[in-house]
C-alpha cells in the first residue's frame, strides 16, 4: 500500500480538506478507504476526514464514495470541526436523500449544532439551529434511536433557550422596562412551559403585572403557579407579593 504523503498548506497537486492537505496519489478505492479508516481508528481524525474526501474525489461513482461521504462527516465531528461535519453530512443528503443512512446524517447535523451551544450570556442562534435540526430528526424518523436521543436533547435545548429569555426579561425588569420584561416571561410560560424556568417566569409575570397596575393578572398568575408548583419557593414569594400589594383581589 503506497504511503500517504502529507503536504503543508499551499503545496500544489494536493486535495485540501479542513486543515489537512493530502498529496494526490492514485490508489484503488479499497486501499484508500482502508487507510482512511485506519487513521480514524488511531485518532487522527482530520487526516481521516481528508482521506475519506479523497475516496470520493478519486472514485466518485464507486459505492465506496457514498460510504466515505458519511465517514468524512463523522470524522470531522469527532475532530470537533462541526462546520465541516455539517457540510459533509448535508452533501451526503443532497446526493443520497433516500439512503438508509440518511437518518444518521440528519442526526450528525443536529449533534454538530448541539455541540456548539454556548452559555446563556451569548447569542443563541446556534442553539436555535440545534433545536431546528433536532426537531427535524424527530419529525422525519420518529421511531428511530436517533429520534429518541434527539427528544432528550431537545429538552435541554429548550431549557437553554428559556434561560436566555429569563436573563433578558430580568435585565429589562431591572431597568424598569416592565412591558418588555413581561413579554419575555410570557414567552417562557407559553413556549417553554415544560422547562425548569416556568415557575420563576410565572412569578415574574405576577411582579410585572403588579408594576404595570394590573393586579387581577398578577393574582391569576399566582394562582396558576400555586396550582402547578404548590411547594415551590416561587409560589411562596408570589403569594406574599400579591397579599401585600393586591389583598382584595381574588382569582376568577
C-alpha atoms as a PDB file:
ATOM      1  CA  UNK A   1       0.000   0.000   0.000  1.00  0.00           C
ATOM      2  CA  UNK A   2       1.501   3.319  -1.036  1.00  0.00           C
ATOM      3  CA  UNK A   3       2.242   5.711   1.780  1.00  0.00           C
ATOM      4  CA  UNK A   4       0.035   8.752   2.169  1.00  0.00           C
ATOM      5  CA  UNK A   5       2.097  11.923   1.891  1.00  0.00           C
ATOM      6  CA  UNK A   6       1.096  14.997   3.859  1.00  0.00           C
ATOM      7  CA  UNK A   7       1.937  18.384   2.420  1.00  0.00           C
ATOM      8  CA  UNK A   8       1.966  21.779   4.055  1.00  0.00           C
ATOM      9  CA  UNK A   9      -0.683  24.311   3.102  1.00  0.00           C
ATOM     10  CA  UNK A  10      -0.189  25.780  -0.338  1.00  0.00           C
ATOM     11  CA  UNK A  11       1.633  22.854  -1.951  1.00  0.00           C
ATOM     12  CA  UNK A  12       0.461  22.057  -5.433  1.00  0.00           C
ATOM     13  CA  UNK A  13      -1.109  18.818  -6.523  1.00  0.00           C
ATOM     14  CA  UNK A  14      -2.921  18.033  -3.284  1.00  0.00           C
ATOM     15  CA  UNK A  15      -6.543  17.992  -2.194  1.00  0.00           C
ATOM     16  CA  UNK A  16      -7.189  20.247   0.777  1.00  0.00           C
ATOM     17  CA  UNK A  17      -9.729  19.161   3.367  1.00  0.00           C
ATOM     18  CA  UNK A  18     -10.122  21.254   6.530  1.00  0.00           C
ATOM     19  CA  UNK A  19      -6.634  21.936   7.889  1.00  0.00           C
ATOM     20  CA  UNK A  20      -5.026  18.966   6.117  1.00  0.00           C
ATOM     21  CA  UNK A  21      -3.547  18.761   2.618  1.00  0.00           C
ATOM     22  CA  UNK A  22      -3.289  15.289   1.137  1.00  0.00           C
ATOM     23  CA  UNK A  23      -0.990  14.720  -1.811  1.00  0.00           C
ATOM     24  CA  UNK A  24      -2.712  13.173  -4.778  1.00  0.00           C
ATOM     25  CA  UNK A  25      -1.631   9.552  -5.071  1.00  0.00           C
ATOM     26  CA  UNK A  26      -3.794   7.430  -7.344  1.00  0.00           C
ATOM     27  CA  UNK A  27      -4.908   4.405  -5.368  1.00  0.00           C
ATOM     28  CA  UNK A  28      -7.519   1.716  -5.627  1.00  0.00           C
ATOM     29  CA  UNK A  29     -10.674   2.554  -3.713  1.00  0.00           C
ATOM     30  CA  UNK A  30     -10.481  -0.230  -1.172  1.00  0.00           C
ATOM     31  CA  UNK A  31      -6.912   0.614  -0.133  1.00  0.00           C
ATOM     32  CA  UNK A  32      -7.698   4.307   0.137  1.00  0.00           C
ATOM     33  CA  UNK A  33     -10.820   3.696   2.207  1.00  0.00           C
ATOM     34  CA  UNK A  34      -8.977   1.239   4.445  1.00  0.00           C
ATOM     35  CA  UNK A  35      -6.217   3.792   5.055  1.00  0.00           C
ATOM     36  CA  UNK A  36      -8.797   6.432   5.981  1.00  0.00           C
ATOM     37  CA  UNK A  37     -10.481   4.023   8.385  1.00  0.00           C
ATOM     38  CA  UNK A  38      -7.114   3.096   9.917  1.00  0.00           C
ATOM     39  CA  UNK A  39      -6.318   6.760  10.521  1.00  0.00           C
ATOM     40  CA  UNK A  40      -9.723   7.279  12.109  1.00  0.00           C
ATOM     41  CA  UNK A  41      -9.267   4.280  14.401  1.00  0.00           C
ATOM     42  CA  UNK A  42      -5.911   5.698  15.506  1.00  0.00           C
ATOM     43  CA  UNK A  43      -7.497   9.040  16.389  1.00  0.00           C
ATOM     44  CA  UNK A  44      -6.024  11.021  13.504  1.00  0.00           C
ATOM     45  CA  UNK A  45      -9.444  12.355  12.667  1.00  0.00           C
ATOM     46  CA  UNK A  46      -8.546  15.296  10.426  1.00  0.00           C
ATOM     47  CA  UNK A  47      -6.355  13.176   8.192  1.00  0.00           C
ATOM     48  CA  UNK A  48      -9.040  10.500   8.173  1.00  0.00           C
ATOM     49  CA  UNK A  49     -11.607  13.069   7.004  1.00  0.00           C
ATOM     50  CA  UNK A  50      -9.268  14.253   4.262  1.00  0.00           C
ATOM     51  CA  UNK A  51      -8.697  10.681   3.110  1.00  0.00           C
ATOM     52  CA  UNK A  52     -12.409   9.882   3.096  1.00  0.00           C
ATOM     53  CA  UNK A  53     -12.891  13.002   0.968  1.00  0.00           C
ATOM     54  CA  UNK A  54     -10.156  11.691  -1.308  1.00  0.00           C
ATOM     55  CA  UNK A  55     -12.087   8.440  -1.755  1.00  0.00           C
ATOM     56  CA  UNK A  56     -14.943  10.408  -3.248  1.00  0.00           C
ATOM     57  CA  UNK A  57     -12.627  12.596  -5.314  1.00  0.00           C
ATOM     58  CA  UNK A  58     -10.745   9.700  -6.884  1.00  0.00           C
ATOM     59  CA  UNK A  59     -13.662   7.279  -7.162  1.00  0.00           C
ATOM     60  CA  UNK A  60     -16.845   9.413  -7.366  1.00  0.00           C
ATOM     61  CA  UNK A  61     -19.014   6.684  -8.897  1.00  0.00           C
ATOM     62  CA  UNK A  62     -17.948   3.886  -6.602  1.00  0.00           C
ATOM     63  CA  UNK A  63     -20.281   2.560  -3.876  1.00  0.00           C
ATOM     64  CA  UNK A  64     -17.405   3.336  -1.522  1.00  0.00           C
ATOM     65  CA  UNK A  65     -17.769   7.041  -2.286  1.00  0.00           C
ATOM     66  CA  UNK A  66     -21.214   7.158  -0.697  1.00  0.00           C
ATOM     67  CA  UNK A  67     -19.929   5.475   2.446  1.00  0.00           C
ATOM     68  CA  UNK A  68     -16.872   7.737   2.518  1.00  0.00           C
ATOM     69  CA  UNK A  69     -19.031  10.884   2.450  1.00  0.00           C
ATOM     70  CA  UNK A  70     -20.729   9.934   5.685  1.00  0.00           C
ATOM     71  CA  UNK A  71     -17.494   8.737   7.285  1.00  0.00           C
ATOM     72  CA  UNK A  72     -15.933  12.071   6.381  1.00  0.00           C
ATOM     73  CA  UNK A  73     -18.752  13.875   8.199  1.00  0.00           C
ATOM     74  CA  UNK A  74     -18.292  11.621  11.222  1.00  0.00           C
ATOM     75  CA  UNK A  75     -14.516  12.189  11.234  1.00  0.00           C
ATOM     76  CA  UNK A  76     -14.980  15.951  11.187  1.00  0.00           C
ATOM     77  CA  UNK A  77     -17.482  15.649  14.026  1.00  0.00           C
ATOM     78  CA  UNK A  78     -15.042  13.672  16.173  1.00  0.00           C
ATOM     79  CA  UNK A  79     -12.363  16.246  15.323  1.00  0.00           C
ATOM     80  CA  UNK A  80     -14.768  18.923  16.612  1.00  0.00           C
ATOM     81  CA  UNK A  81     -14.769  20.633  13.216  1.00  0.00           C
ATOM     82  CA  UNK A  82     -18.525  20.956  13.379  1.00  0.00           C
ATOM     83  CA  UNK A  83     -19.000  23.258  10.404  1.00  0.00           C
ATOM     84  CA  UNK A  84     -17.202  20.808   8.142  1.00  0.00           C
ATOM     85  CA  UNK A  85     -19.178  17.931   9.643  1.00  0.00           C
ATOM     86  CA  UNK A  86     -22.428  19.726   8.835  1.00  0.00           C
ATOM     87  CA  UNK A  87     -21.310  20.498   5.289  1.00  0.00           C
ATOM     88  CA  UNK A  88     -20.244  16.905   4.641  1.00  0.00           C
ATOM     89  CA  UNK A  89     -23.469  15.461   6.048  1.00  0.00           C
ATOM     90  CA  UNK A  90     -25.555  17.934   4.050  1.00  0.00           C
ATOM     91  CA  UNK A  91     -23.640  16.998   0.919  1.00  0.00           C
ATOM     92  CA  UNK A  92     -24.387  13.338   1.566  1.00  0.00           C
ATOM     93  CA  UNK A  93     -28.091  14.106   1.956  1.00  0.00           C
ATOM     94  CA  UNK A  94     -28.210  16.250  -1.185  1.00  0.00           C
ATOM     95  CA  UNK A  95     -26.816  13.364  -3.242  1.00  0.00           C
ATOM     96  CA  UNK A  96     -28.428  10.434  -1.403  1.00  0.00           C
ATOM     97  CA  UNK A  97     -31.621  11.763   0.235  1.00  0.00           C
ATOM     98  CA  UNK A  98     -33.305   8.372   0.382  1.00  0.00           C
ATOM     99  CA  UNK A  99     -30.329   6.343   1.533  1.00  0.00           C
ATOM    100  CA  UNK A 100     -30.745   4.021   4.504  1.00  0.00           C
ATOM    101  CA  UNK A 101     -28.117   6.064   6.358  1.00  0.00           C
ATOM    102  CA  UNK A 102     -29.981   9.359   5.876  1.00  0.00           C
ATOM    103  CA  UNK A 103     -31.331   9.287   9.467  1.00  0.00           C
ATOM    104  CA  UNK A 104     -27.788   9.183  10.792  1.00  0.00           C
ATOM    105  CA  UNK A 105     -26.740  12.067   8.531  1.00  0.00           C
ATOM    106  CA  UNK A 106     -29.584  14.217   9.871  1.00  0.00           C
ATOM    107  CA  UNK A 107     -28.646  13.184  13.408  1.00  0.00           C
ATOM    108  CA  UNK A 108     -24.996  14.084  12.820  1.00  0.00           C
ATOM    109  CA  UNK A 109     -26.022  17.546  11.640  1.00  0.00           C
ATOM    110  CA  UNK A 110     -28.134  18.020  14.765  1.00  0.00           C
ATOM    111  CA  UNK A 111     -25.300  16.838  17.016  1.00  0.00           C
ATOM    112  CA  UNK A 112     -22.867  19.205  15.312  1.00  0.00           C
ATOM    113  CA  UNK A 113     -25.107  22.162  16.111  1.00  0.00           C
ATOM    114  CA  UNK A 114     -25.833  20.849  19.602  1.00  0.00           C
ATOM    115  CA  UNK A 115     -22.137  20.609  20.498  1.00  0.00           C
ATOM    116  CA  UNK A 116     -21.714  24.305  19.675  1.00  0.00           C
ATOM    117  CA  UNK A 117     -24.339  25.577  22.108  1.00  0.00           C
ATOM    118  CA  UNK A 118     -22.857  28.340  24.226  1.00  0.00           C
ATOM    119  CA  UNK A 119     -23.832  29.645  27.648  1.00  0.00           C
ATOM    120  CA  UNK A 120     -26.941  31.797  28.021  1.00  0.00           C
ATOM    121  CA  UNK A 121     -24.927  35.027  28.158  1.00  0.00           C
ATOM    122  CA  UNK A 122     -24.112  34.697  24.455  1.00  0.00           C
ATOM    123  CA  UNK A 123     -26.062  34.825  21.209  1.00  0.00           C
ATOM    124  CA  UNK A 124     -28.341  31.812  20.892  1.00  0.00           C
ATOM    125  CA  UNK A 125     -28.550  31.475  17.092  1.00  0.00           C
ATOM    126  CA  UNK A 126     -26.640  28.181  17.201  1.00  0.00           C
ATOM    127  CA  UNK A 127     -28.977  26.929  19.926  1.00  0.00           C
ATOM    128  CA  UNK A 128     -31.956  27.655  17.691  1.00  0.00           C
ATOM    129  CA  UNK A 129     -30.278  25.874  14.795  1.00  0.00           C
ATOM    130  CA  UNK A 130     -29.728  22.887  17.068  1.00  0.00           C
ATOM    131  CA  UNK A 131     -33.378  22.988  18.063  1.00  0.00           C
ATOM    132  CA  UNK A 132     -34.482  23.038  14.416  1.00  0.00           C
ATOM    133  CA  UNK A 133     -32.131  20.199  13.457  1.00  0.00           C
ATOM    134  CA  UNK A 134     -33.161  18.020  16.412  1.00  0.00           C
ATOM    135  CA  UNK A 135     -36.832  18.573  15.628  1.00  0.00           C
ATOM    136  CA  UNK A 136     -36.130  17.552  12.034  1.00  0.00           C
ATOM    137  CA  UNK A 137     -34.655  14.243  13.199  1.00  0.00           C
ATOM    138  CA  UNK A 138     -37.705  13.601  15.376  1.00  0.00           C
ATOM    139  CA  UNK A 139     -40.126  14.620  12.621  1.00  0.00           C
ATOM    140  CA  UNK A 140     -38.568  12.546   9.864  1.00  0.00           C
ATOM    141  CA  UNK A 141     -37.613   9.438  11.846  1.00  0.00           C
ATOM    142  CA  UNK A 142     -39.858   9.382  14.954  1.00  0.00           C
ATOM    143  CA  UNK A 143     -39.361   5.689  15.729  1.00  0.00           C
ATOM    144  CA  UNK A 144     -35.586   5.650  15.311  1.00  0.00           C
ATOM    145  CA  UNK A 145     -32.990   5.536  18.064  1.00  0.00           C
ATOM    146  CA  UNK A 146     -31.777   8.904  16.801  1.00  0.00           C
ATOM    147  CA  UNK A 147     -35.187  10.468  17.402  1.00  0.00           C
ATOM    148  CA  UNK A 148     -35.245   9.185  20.979  1.00  0.00           C
ATOM    149  CA  UNK A 149     -31.931  10.883  21.712  1.00  0.00           C
ATOM    150  CA  UNK A 150     -32.989  13.989  19.798  1.00  0.00           C
ATOM    151  CA  UNK A 151     -36.038  14.364  22.048  1.00  0.00           C
ATOM    152  CA  UNK A 152     -33.861  14.175  25.155  1.00  0.00           C
ATOM    153  CA  UNK A 153     -31.524  16.797  23.763  1.00  0.00           C
ATOM    154  CA  UNK A 154     -34.470  18.990  22.759  1.00  0.00           C
ATOM    155  CA  UNK A 155     -35.463  19.215  26.416  1.00  0.00           C
ATOM    156  CA  UNK A 156     -32.001  20.562  27.234  1.00  0.00           C
ATOM    157  CA  UNK A 157     -32.046  22.930  24.269  1.00  0.00           C
ATOM    158  CA  UNK A 158     -35.450  24.298  25.255  1.00  0.00           C
ATOM    159  CA  UNK A 159     -34.258  24.808  28.817  1.00  0.00           C
ATOM    160  CA  UNK A 160     -31.279  26.692  27.449  1.00  0.00           C
ATOM    161  CA  UNK A 161     -33.438  28.963  25.272  1.00  0.00           C
ATOM    162  CA  UNK A 162     -35.843  29.568  28.157  1.00  0.00           C
ATOM    163  CA  UNK A 163     -32.870  30.518  30.322  1.00  0.00           C
ATOM    164  CA  UNK A 164     -31.857  33.126  27.763  1.00  0.00           C
ATOM    165  CA  UNK A 165     -35.377  34.560  27.711  1.00  0.00           C
ATOM    166  CA  UNK A 166     -35.346  34.761  31.510  1.00  0.00           C
ATOM    167  CA  UNK A 167     -31.986  36.513  31.512  1.00  0.00           C
ATOM    168  CA  UNK A 168     -33.216  39.161  29.068  1.00  0.00           C
ATOM    169  CA  UNK A 169     -36.502  39.542  30.941  1.00  0.00           C
ATOM    170  CA  UNK A 170     -34.723  40.108  34.254  1.00  0.00           C
ATOM    171  CA  UNK A 171     -32.470  42.682  32.595  1.00  0.00           C
ATOM    172  CA  UNK A 172     -35.487  44.592  31.250  1.00  0.00           C
ATOM    173  CA  UNK A 173     -37.098  44.323  34.682  1.00  0.00           C
ATOM    174  CA  UNK A 174     -34.046  45.808  36.395  1.00  0.00           C
ATOM    175  CA  UNK A 175     -34.279  48.761  34.004  1.00  0.00           C
ATOM    176  CA  UNK A 176     -37.972  49.328  34.702  1.00  0.00           C
ATOM    177  CA  UNK A 177     -38.967  48.188  31.210  1.00  0.00           C
ATOM    178  CA  UNK A 178     -41.928  46.242  32.551  1.00  0.00           C
ATOM    179  CA  UNK A 179     -43.802  45.514  29.345  1.00  0.00           C
ATOM    180  CA  UNK A 180     -40.688  44.311  27.523  1.00  0.00           C
ATOM    181  CA  UNK A 181     -39.851  42.120  30.523  1.00  0.00           C
ATOM    182  CA  UNK A 182     -43.373  40.746  30.657  1.00  0.00           C
ATOM    183  CA  UNK A 183     -43.238  39.674  27.011  1.00  0.00           C
ATOM    184  CA  UNK A 184     -40.072  37.659  27.669  1.00  0.00           C
ATOM    185  CA  UNK A 185     -41.528  35.945  30.724  1.00  0.00           C
ATOM    186  CA  UNK A 186     -44.768  35.265  28.879  1.00  0.00           C
ATOM    187  CA  UNK A 187     -42.820  33.607  26.075  1.00  0.00           C
ATOM    188  CA  UNK A 188     -41.267  31.230  28.609  1.00  0.00           C
ATOM    189  CA  UNK A 189     -44.690  30.388  30.066  1.00  0.00           C
ATOM    190  CA  UNK A 190     -46.252  29.804  26.652  1.00  0.00           C
ATOM    191  CA  UNK A 191     -43.397  28.338  24.598  1.00  0.00           C
ATOM    192  CA  UNK A 192     -41.192  26.634  27.185  1.00  0.00           C
ATOM    193  CA  UNK A 193     -43.706  25.551  29.799  1.00  0.00           C
ATOM    194  CA  UNK A 194     -42.067  22.171  30.390  1.00  0.00           C
ATOM    195  CA  UNK A 195     -38.701  23.694  31.337  1.00  0.00           C
ATOM    196  CA  UNK A 196     -37.259  24.355  34.780  1.00  0.00           C
ATOM    197  CA  UNK A 197     -37.706  28.112  34.280  1.00  0.00           C
ATOM    198  CA  UNK A 198     -41.507  28.126  34.219  1.00  0.00           C
ATOM    199  CA  UNK A 199     -42.097  28.617  37.982  1.00  0.00           C
ATOM    200  CA  UNK A 200     -39.880  31.692  38.079  1.00  0.00           C
ATOM    201  CA  UNK A 201     -41.433  33.006  34.852  1.00  0.00           C
ATOM    202  CA  UNK A 202     -44.901  32.800  36.433  1.00  0.00           C
ATOM    203  CA  UNK A 203     -43.619  34.661  39.483  1.00  0.00           C
ATOM    204  CA  UNK A 204     -42.074  37.339  37.274  1.00  0.00           C
ATOM    205  CA  UNK A 205     -45.394  37.650  35.447  1.00  0.00           C
ATOM    206  CA  UNK A 206     -47.031  38.427  38.793  1.00  0.00           C
ATOM    207  CA  UNK A 207     -44.325  41.001  39.519  1.00  0.00           C
ATOM    208  CA  UNK A 208     -44.538  42.748  36.177  1.00  0.00           C
ATOM    209  CA  UNK A 209     -48.332  42.850  36.164  1.00  0.00           C
ATOM    210  CA  UNK A 210     -48.317  44.491  39.576  1.00  0.00           C
ATOM    211  CA  UNK A 211     -45.768  47.004  38.305  1.00  0.00           C
ATOM    212  CA  UNK A 212     -47.995  47.678  35.292  1.00  0.00           C
ATOM    213  CA  UNK A 213     -51.004  48.226  37.532  1.00  0.00           C
ATOM    214  CA  UNK A 214     -52.869  45.040  36.583  1.00  0.00           C
ATOM    215  CA  UNK A 215     -53.349  43.259  39.920  1.00  0.00           C
ATOM    216  CA  UNK A 216     -56.024  40.896  38.546  1.00  0.00           C
ATOM    217  CA  UNK A 217     -53.452  39.385  36.174  1.00  0.00           C
ATOM    218  CA  UNK A 218     -50.866  39.173  38.940  1.00  0.00           C
ATOM    219  CA  UNK A 219     -53.298  37.205  41.099  1.00  0.00           C
ATOM    220  CA  UNK A 220     -54.189  34.977  38.144  1.00  0.00           C
ATOM    221  CA  UNK A 221     -50.577  34.007  37.507  1.00  0.00           C
ATOM    222  CA  UNK A 222     -50.026  33.416  41.204  1.00  0.00           C
ATOM    223  CA  UNK A 223     -52.997  31.034  41.199  1.00  0.00           C
ATOM    224  CA  UNK A 224     -51.577  29.205  38.189  1.00  0.00           C
ATOM    225  CA  UNK A 225     -48.242  28.977  39.981  1.00  0.00           C
ATOM    226  CA  UNK A 226     -49.905  27.604  43.098  1.00  0.00           C
ATOM    227  CA  UNK A 227     -51.888  25.022  41.154  1.00  0.00           C
ATOM    228  CA  UNK A 228     -48.873  23.696  39.259  1.00  0.00           C
ATOM    229  CA  UNK A 229     -45.979  24.282  41.660  1.00  0.00           C
ATOM    230  CA  UNK A 230     -47.593  24.463  45.109  1.00  0.00           C
ATOM    231  CA  UNK A 231     -44.441  23.726  47.080  1.00  0.00           C
ATOM    232  CA  UNK A 232     -42.019  25.905  45.162  1.00  0.00           C
ATOM    233  CA  UNK A 233     -40.232  28.928  46.545  1.00  0.00           C
ATOM    234  CA  UNK A 234     -41.610  30.960  43.649  1.00  0.00           C
ATOM    235  CA  UNK A 235     -45.186  30.299  44.698  1.00  0.00           C
ATOM    236  CA  UNK A 236     -44.414  31.331  48.249  1.00  0.00           C
ATOM    237  CA  UNK A 237     -42.846  34.562  47.011  1.00  0.00           C
ATOM    238  CA  UNK A 238     -45.720  35.260  44.615  1.00  0.00           C
ATOM    239  CA  UNK A 239     -48.326  34.590  47.301  1.00  0.00           C
ATOM    240  CA  UNK A 240     -46.655  37.020  49.698  1.00  0.00           C
ATOM    241  CA  UNK A 241     -46.318  39.566  46.918  1.00  0.00           C
ATOM    242  CA  UNK A 242     -49.992  39.633  45.965  1.00  0.00           C
ATOM    243  CA  UNK A 243     -51.078  39.516  49.610  1.00  0.00           C
ATOM    244  CA  UNK A 244     -49.029  42.630  50.172  1.00  0.00           C
ATOM    245  CA  UNK A 245     -49.983  44.557  47.021  1.00  0.00           C
ATOM    246  CA  UNK A 246     -53.377  43.143  45.999  1.00  0.00           C
ATOM    247  CA  UNK A 247     -55.004  41.734  49.156  1.00  0.00           C
ATOM    248  CA  UNK A 248     -58.567  42.392  47.993  1.00  0.00           C
ATOM    249  CA  UNK A 249     -58.191  40.814  44.563  1.00  0.00           C
ATOM    250  CA  UNK A 250     -59.268  37.204  44.151  1.00  0.00           C
ATOM    251  CA  UNK A 251     -58.674  34.908  41.180  1.00  0.00           C
ATOM    252  CA  UNK A 252     -61.631  34.473  38.846  1.00  0.00           C
END
